[in-house]
Amino acid sequence: MAEDFKFELKEHFGVLSESKGGWKVELNSVSWGERDAKFDLRSWSPDHSKMGKGITLTQAELLELKKILNNMDTL
């Protein structure tokens, strides 16, 4: 028997975009399965009861991504 999937939104940092249906691509701090929270970038339904595919990053990974984005000349 499958256990319930547990997650907890710890902190909301911002919205990158919003669809016509109200779903938002957000950067949040999320605890998955009662583990330590990580940075999470994915789409969420308006009430945060459903989610789309996304990526989860450690603080070190997020800082590396920030460096890469800051060094991109094409943005």
Protein backbone atom coordinates (compact mmCIF):
# COMPACT_ATOMS: atom_id res chain seq x y z
CA MET A 1 0.00 0.00 0.00
CA ALA A 2 1.38 3.41 -0.99
CA GLU A 3 2.02 5.99 1.69
CA ASP A 4 0.79 9.56 1.34
CA PHE A 5 3.27 11.84 -0.35
CA LYS A 6 4.25 14.52 2.16
CA PHE A 7 5.63 17.97 1.47
CA GLU A 8 5.64 21.29 3.29
CA LEU A 9 6.20 24.71 1.75
CA LYS A 10 8.56 26.43 4.17
CA GLU A 11 9.20 29.77 2.42
CA HIS A 12 8.02 31.49 -0.75
CA PHE A 13 10.63 33.53 -2.64
CA GLY A 14 8.83 34.60 -5.80
CA VAL A 15 6.77 33.90 -8.92
CA LEU A 16 8.43 33.57 -12.34
CA SER A 17 5.24 33.31 -14.38
CA GLU A 18 1.51 32.59 -14.21
CA SER A 19 -0.66 30.68 -16.70
CA LYS A 20 -4.20 31.62 -17.72
CA GLY A 21 -5.42 28.78 -15.49
CA GLY A 22 -3.82 30.36 -12.43
CA TRP A 23 -0.91 27.94 -12.11
CA LYS A 24 2.32 29.72 -11.12
CA VAL A 25 5.96 28.81 -11.60
CA GLU A 26 7.44 29.59 -8.21
CA LEU A 27 10.71 29.47 -6.33
CA ASN A 28 10.06 28.12 -2.85
CA SER A 29 11.79 26.32 -0.01
CA VAL A 30 10.10 22.92 0.30
CA SER A 31 10.56 20.01 2.66
CA TRP A 32 9.92 16.73 0.82
CA GLY A 33 9.07 13.65 2.89
CA GLU A 34 9.90 15.40 6.16
CA ARG A 35 13.51 15.94 5.04
CA ASP A 36 15.46 19.19 5.26
CA ALA A 37 14.01 21.87 3.00
CA LYS A 38 15.60 22.54 -0.40
CA PHE A 39 15.09 25.23 -3.02
CA ASP A 40 12.38 24.17 -5.41
CA LEU A 41 11.39 25.57 -8.81
CA ARG A 42 8.12 24.21 -10.26
CA SER A 43 4.54 25.05 -11.20
CA TRP A 44 1.84 25.01 -8.54
CA SER A 45 -1.94 25.13 -8.66
CA PRO A 46 -3.52 28.26 -7.13
CA ASP A 47 -4.14 26.52 -3.77
CA HIS A 48 -0.80 24.62 -3.78
CA SER A 49 -2.62 21.29 -3.61
CA LYS A 50 -1.21 20.13 -6.97
CA MET A 51 2.18 20.55 -8.59
CA GLY A 52 3.86 20.12 -11.94
CA LYS A 53 7.30 18.81 -12.73
CA GLY A 54 10.15 20.82 -11.35
CA ILE A 55 13.67 20.81 -9.99
CA THR A 56 14.99 20.79 -6.46
CA LEU A 57 18.33 22.39 -5.63
CA THR A 58 20.59 22.54 -2.61
CA GLN A 59 21.83 25.94 -1.52
CA ALA A 60 25.21 25.23 -3.14
CA GLU A 61 23.53 24.29 -6.44
CA LEU A 62 21.36 27.41 -6.36
CA LEU A 63 24.44 29.59 -5.78
CA GLU A 64 26.20 27.94 -8.74
CA LEU A 65 23.14 28.57 -10.92
CA LYS A 66 23.19 32.21 -9.82
CA LYS A 67 26.85 32.48 -10.86
CA ILE A 68 26.09 30.96 -14.26
CA LEU A 69 23.15 33.31 -14.85
CA ASN A 70 25.15 36.35 -13.76
CA ASN A 71 27.89 35.45 -16.26
CA MET A 72 25.60 34.91 -19.26
CA ASP A 73 26.09 37.59 -21.91
CA THR A 74 23.02 36.63 -23.93
CA LEU A 75 20.39 37.58 -21.36
